Amino acid sequence: MKSTAPSSRRSISLASTLAGLLALGLIAPPAAAQPAAPPPAAPQPAPTPPAAGQPQPPQAPVAAAQLPAPKADPLATALAPQPGGLTPDEFAKIALQTHASLRAKQAELRAASARVDQAAVNFFPRITLTGSYMRLSEVEQDPQLAQFGLGAQILNQYSLSASLAVPISDYVLRISQGYAAASHSETAKKLEVQAEALKIAADAKISFFNWVGLKGLVVVRDEAVSQAKAHLVDAQRTFEVGLLSRADVLRLEAQVANAEQLLTEAQATLLVADEQIRIALGAAAQGRPLTVGIDVMTGSVAAQPPPQPLPTLQEEAFSKRLEIRALDETLYSLKKSEQLTRAGYFPRLDAVADVTYANPNQRIFPAREEFDLTWAAGARATWVLNDIATTAAASAEASARTAQVAEQKAVLRDGLRMEVAQAYTDVSKAARSIETAERQLAAAVEAMRVKSELFRAGRATSTDLVDSEREVTTARLLQLNARVGALVAKTRLDHAVGRDARDANAVK
């Protein structure tokens, strides 16, 4: 008699497989539990309920596992503009009020303005007032002088005098050049203050966008945790019906733990960034929630490539950047200083006048103890020959400073050329990056949906599911970075080209 053991094992295996498929709702209930099928021509009767005591067929969980209706983009929802939210322009204005480097530039401007006032005073003639009193000691005199009326001694002497000096040669060689040098220096400092303010504002806007990016990162990490937990629940249900191994479940549990760790790190980084924003805002942050007040994820203005070619933008930067204009003013100032220094080669010519009201007046002879008024006027030429040698050295030093600033301008132009090129490249690729990131996200989300269905049916492994989750998270991060990067690139391009200089007059 043939053994029936293999047949029994095959029956048990088949029964287990059918039970699992029946539990997932992939096949219909057994035929014995169904009513007899009517002839094909007859209308289909309603199915008869199973007899009393007969086991109920398991319900298919596929209805409970149906995909929900498509929901809104979590990033777009979390980063949508809120009423009263913080904007980059507002954050930049507040940063200008608290930045120490701007206050230092403003102090330099006040010093330059004071030098202009000093140079302006040199245009006026020099007036000197002198008052004196002297008590003289008695001296022995020849008695014979008394017969000439010279014997009396005047021991108390009083004198009031005023002198006027008009620097005729300085008007031509020194004063005008000095005033022009001080004026150009003051203009250069004004431009430096405005340039520093624009740089601080641009950096503040970029810091704001990076803070928004961190808020988006927390949203992406939180969404990854939710996805991983949902897939873990599906895995546990599938494991319970025997279509999944314990290793697959543990793999998904590890994925949940990893996603939670990344979320914790992102939240900690955002906490520090929030505190930095509050410190920058100062009193403006009191009782104010840190929400976003601009459209980050759906705006299209920042993603548009610049219509002008790169050389045109570079020339625009050379004409608009305040740093270039400040160096031009500094060069003008130094050239005037060179002319002022070369004035030491020539003698000075001054027109002078003097008025004296004294008791006794030294010009009255014989001396008498009463006040007399006298005056004198003329011209005075002065030439210190040693100044010729010192002027030569000072002139060489001034020429070297002028050449140094001219080379600094050349270095600045090269730096601006590269700065504009980098910003131009970033803006040009921003639109493409956004478009590809959104296509990648849509494909990754659909791929994860398909993998999830296959995983529930036992036709995909946990590794496949974890890989699809990672692809979705990566795609969301790419989308976030592309959007934030486009805003950062546009801010840098506007500053590099000098288009933000229109706001420079707002800086006082």
Foldseek 3Di string as FASTA:
>chain_A
DDDCVVVVVVVVVVVLVVLLCQQQVNDDDDPVQWDDADPPVDDGDDTDHGDPPDDDRHDHCVVVVDDDDDDDDLLQVQAPADVVADDLQVLLVLLLVPDPVLVVLVVVLVVLVVQLVVLVVLQAWDKDKDWDKFFADDDDDDPVCVVVVQPDDDGIKIKIKMKTKHFPVCVVQASVLSNLLSVLLSVLSLLVSLLVSLVSSLVSSLLVLVLSLLSSLLSLLVVLLVLLVVLLVLQVVSVVSPLADPVLSVVSVVSNVVSVVSNVVSVVVSVVSVVVSCVSNDPVPVPDDNGHRDRQQPDCPLLDADPDDLVVLLVLLCVFNSNLVSLVSNLSSLVSVLSNLVVLQAKIKMKMKMKMWMQQDPVDPPTDGDTDIDMDIDMDIGHDPVSNVVSVVVSVVSVVVSVVSVVVSVVVSVVLSVLLVVLSVLSNCLNVLLVVLVVQLVVLVVLLVVQSVCVSVSNHGSVSNSVSSVSNSVSSSSNSCSSSSSVSSVSSNCSSSNVCSVCSVVPD
